[in-house]
Amino acid sequence: MRIASLIAVAALAIAGAASAQSPATSLTLQNAAAAPTAPTVVDGVNWRCESNGTCVGVGRGTEQPATRACRRVVAQLGAVSSFSWRGRSLDAAQLAACNTAAG
């Protein structure tokens, strides 16, 4: 009985960890040639970029609105044509404001 309880607790812990993963955080740089070849950390998120300018952010990062996160990332990596922070994608007007404010 004790082993069954331990197995049940372990299964719940694994399920909880899987559901606690943060939603997608990603971006596309306007200038793919400027994509960093090494991972870049901005506000606790480790950004890894491909040569085509597509970047994926890994890590929890700081609690902040998507618009602020965009400005912080753009200041480090350059202008973006798409930006998603924890599953929330910015629209065209928000992207334009982000690129202007950070530049």
C-alpha atoms as a PDB file:
ATOM      1  CA  MET A   1       0.000   0.000   0.000  1.00  0.00           C
ATOM      2  CA  ARG A   2       2.850   2.350   0.836  1.00  0.00           C
ATOM      3  CA  ILE A   3       4.448   1.825  -2.601  1.00  0.00           C
ATOM      4  CA  ALA A   4       1.141   2.587  -4.321  1.00  0.00           C
ATOM      5  CA  SER A   5       0.888   5.852  -2.364  1.00  0.00           C
ATOM      6  CA  LEU A   6       4.418   6.825  -3.350  1.00  0.00           C
ATOM      7  CA  ILE A   7       3.690   6.069  -7.000  1.00  0.00           C
ATOM      8  CA  ALA A   8       0.524   8.191  -6.851  1.00  0.00           C
ATOM      9  CA  VAL A   9       2.411  11.114  -5.273  1.00  0.00           C
ATOM     10  CA  ALA A  10       5.156  10.871  -7.906  1.00  0.00           C
ATOM     11  CA  ALA A  11       2.593  10.826 -10.729  1.00  0.00           C
ATOM     12  CA  LEU A  12       0.893  13.938  -9.345  1.00  0.00           C
ATOM     13  CA  ALA A  13       4.241  15.725  -9.023  1.00  0.00           C
ATOM     14  CA  ILE A  14       5.137  14.949 -12.635  1.00  0.00           C
ATOM     15  CA  ALA A  15       1.712  16.062 -13.882  1.00  0.00           C
ATOM     16  CA  GLY A  16       1.993  19.297 -11.892  1.00  0.00           C
ATOM     17  CA  ALA A  17       5.430  20.052 -13.311  1.00  0.00           C
ATOM     18  CA  ALA A  18       4.212  19.493 -16.869  1.00  0.00           C
ATOM     19  CA  SER A  19       1.243  21.829 -16.415  1.00  0.00           C
ATOM     20  CA  ALA A  20       3.462  24.495 -14.810  1.00  0.00           C
ATOM     21  CA  GLN A  21       5.531  24.978 -17.963  1.00  0.00           C
ATOM     22  CA  SER A  22       5.124  28.485 -19.305  1.00  0.00           C
ATOM     23  CA  PRO A  23       3.376  29.164 -22.630  1.00  0.00           C
ATOM     24  CA  ALA A  24       5.382  29.917 -25.750  1.00  0.00           C
ATOM     25  CA  THR A  25       7.795  32.830 -25.767  1.00  0.00           C
ATOM     26  CA  SER A  26       9.229  33.573 -29.197  1.00  0.00           C
ATOM     27  CA  LEU A  27      10.073  36.279 -31.699  1.00  0.00           C
ATOM     28  CA  THR A  28      11.209  36.875 -35.255  1.00  0.00           C
ATOM     29  CA  LEU A  29      13.911  39.452 -35.887  1.00  0.00           C
ATOM     30  CA  GLN A  30      13.392  41.878 -38.769  1.00  0.00           C
ATOM     31  CA  ASN A  31      17.080  41.555 -39.680  1.00  0.00           C
ATOM     32  CA  ALA A  32      17.864  37.828 -39.660  1.00  0.00           C
ATOM     33  CA  ALA A  33      21.536  38.562 -40.328  1.00  0.00           C
ATOM     34  CA  ALA A  34      21.718  40.231 -36.909  1.00  0.00           C
ATOM     35  CA  ALA A  35      20.546  37.097 -35.082  1.00  0.00           C
ATOM     36  CA  PRO A  36      23.005  36.316 -32.279  1.00  0.00           C
ATOM     37  CA  THR A  37      24.861  33.037 -32.659  1.00  0.00           C
ATOM     38  CA  ALA A  38      25.193  32.544 -28.901  1.00  0.00           C
ATOM     39  CA  PRO A  39      22.267  32.394 -26.454  1.00  0.00           C
ATOM     40  CA  THR A  40      21.341  35.801 -25.027  1.00  0.00           C
ATOM     41  CA  VAL A  41      19.734  36.220 -21.603  1.00  0.00           C
ATOM     42  CA  VAL A  42      17.286  39.100 -21.146  1.00  0.00           C
ATOM     43  CA  ASP A  43      15.354  39.438 -17.878  1.00  0.00           C
ATOM     44  CA  GLY A  44      15.866  35.780 -16.989  1.00  0.00           C
ATOM     45  CA  VAL A  45      14.850  34.366 -20.368  1.00  0.00           C
ATOM     46  CA  ASN A  46      17.475  32.561 -22.448  1.00  0.00           C
ATOM     47  CA  TRP A  47      16.919  33.524 -26.102  1.00  0.00           C
ATOM     48  CA  ARG A  48      18.261  31.124 -28.740  1.00  0.00           C
ATOM     49  CA  CYS A  49      18.095  32.291 -32.330  1.00  0.00           C
ATOM     50  CA  GLU A  50      18.315  30.482 -35.645  1.00  0.00           C
ATOM     51  CA  SER A  51      20.104  31.954 -38.655  1.00  0.00           C
ATOM     52  CA  ASN A  52      16.686  32.791 -40.187  1.00  0.00           C
ATOM     53  CA  GLY A  53      15.966  35.241 -37.337  1.00  0.00           C
ATOM     54  CA  THR A  54      13.496  33.037 -35.473  1.00  0.00           C
ATOM     55  CA  CYS A  55      14.220  33.000 -31.734  1.00  0.00           C
ATOM     56  CA  VAL A  56      12.745  30.989 -28.868  1.00  0.00           C
ATOM     57  CA  GLY A  57      12.870  32.126 -25.266  1.00  0.00           C
ATOM     58  CA  VAL A  58      13.394  29.518 -22.564  1.00  0.00           C
ATOM     59  CA  GLY A  59      12.985  30.197 -18.871  1.00  0.00           C
ATOM     60  CA  ARG A  60      10.469  31.777 -16.589  1.00  0.00           C
ATOM     61  CA  GLY A  61      11.728  35.343 -16.841  1.00  0.00           C
ATOM     62  CA  THR A  62      10.426  38.268 -14.846  1.00  0.00           C
ATOM     63  CA  GLU A  63       6.769  39.120 -14.310  1.00  0.00           C
ATOM     64  CA  GLN A  64       6.043  41.933 -16.756  1.00  0.00           C
ATOM     65  CA  PRO A  65       3.584  42.812 -19.506  1.00  0.00           C
ATOM     66  CA  ALA A  66       4.339  41.488 -22.983  1.00  0.00           C
ATOM     67  CA  THR A  67       4.813  45.034 -24.289  1.00  0.00           C
ATOM     68  CA  ARG A  68       7.544  45.778 -21.743  1.00  0.00           C
ATOM     69  CA  ALA A  69       9.222  42.413 -22.340  1.00  0.00           C
ATOM     70  CA  CYS A  70       9.268  43.222 -26.052  1.00  0.00           C
ATOM     71  CA  ARG A  71      10.996  46.585 -25.485  1.00  0.00           C
ATOM     72  CA  ARG A  72      13.599  44.961 -23.241  1.00  0.00           C
ATOM     73  CA  VAL A  73      14.355  42.221 -25.785  1.00  0.00           C
ATOM     74  CA  VAL A  74      14.409  44.589 -28.769  1.00  0.00           C
ATOM     75  CA  ALA A  75      16.929  46.785 -26.939  1.00  0.00           C
ATOM     76  CA  GLN A  76      19.262  43.750 -26.827  1.00  0.00           C
ATOM     77  CA  LEU A  77      18.498  41.843 -30.049  1.00  0.00           C
ATOM     78  CA  GLY A  78      17.072  44.388 -32.487  1.00  0.00           C
ATOM     79  CA  ALA A  79      13.717  45.122 -34.119  1.00  0.00           C
ATOM     80  CA  VAL A  80      11.165  42.316 -34.364  1.00  0.00           C
ATOM     81  CA  SER A  81       8.443  41.426 -36.851  1.00  0.00           C
ATOM     82  CA  SER A  82       6.671  39.130 -34.376  1.00  0.00           C
ATOM     83  CA  PHE A  83       6.782  38.769 -30.600  1.00  0.00           C
ATOM     84  CA  SER A  84       5.019  36.382 -28.226  1.00  0.00           C
ATOM     85  CA  TRP A  85       5.474  36.522 -24.435  1.00  0.00           C
ATOM     86  CA  ARG A  86       4.091  33.640 -22.377  1.00  0.00           C
ATOM     87  CA  GLY A  87       1.584  32.793 -25.077  1.00  0.00           C
ATOM     88  CA  ARG A  88       0.426  36.388 -25.694  1.00  0.00           C
ATOM     89  CA  SER A  89       1.278  37.664 -29.188  1.00  0.00           C
ATOM     90  CA  LEU A  90       1.605  41.367 -29.889  1.00  0.00           C
ATOM     91  CA  ASP A  91      -0.424  42.870 -32.733  1.00  0.00           C
ATOM     92  CA  ALA A  92       1.007  45.102 -35.483  1.00  0.00           C
ATOM     93  CA  ALA A  93       0.452  48.361 -33.566  1.00  0.00           C
ATOM     94  CA  GLN A  94       2.078  46.957 -30.423  1.00  0.00           C
ATOM     95  CA  LEU A  95       5.059  45.671 -32.451  1.00  0.00           C
ATOM     96  CA  ALA A  96       5.533  49.082 -34.062  1.00  0.00           C
ATOM     97  CA  ALA A  97       5.400  50.790 -30.660  1.00  0.00           C
ATOM     98  CA  CYS A  98       7.842  48.245 -29.231  1.00  0.00           C
ATOM     99  CA  ASN A  99      10.360  48.696 -32.029  1.00  0.00           C
ATOM    100  CA  THR A 100      10.099  52.511 -31.854  1.00  0.00           C
ATOM    101  CA  ALA A 101      10.371  52.737 -28.066  1.00  0.00           C
ATOM    102  CA  ALA A 102      13.318  50.361 -27.827  1.00  0.00           C
ATOM    103  CA  GLY A 103      15.216  51.886 -30.719  1.00  0.00           C
END
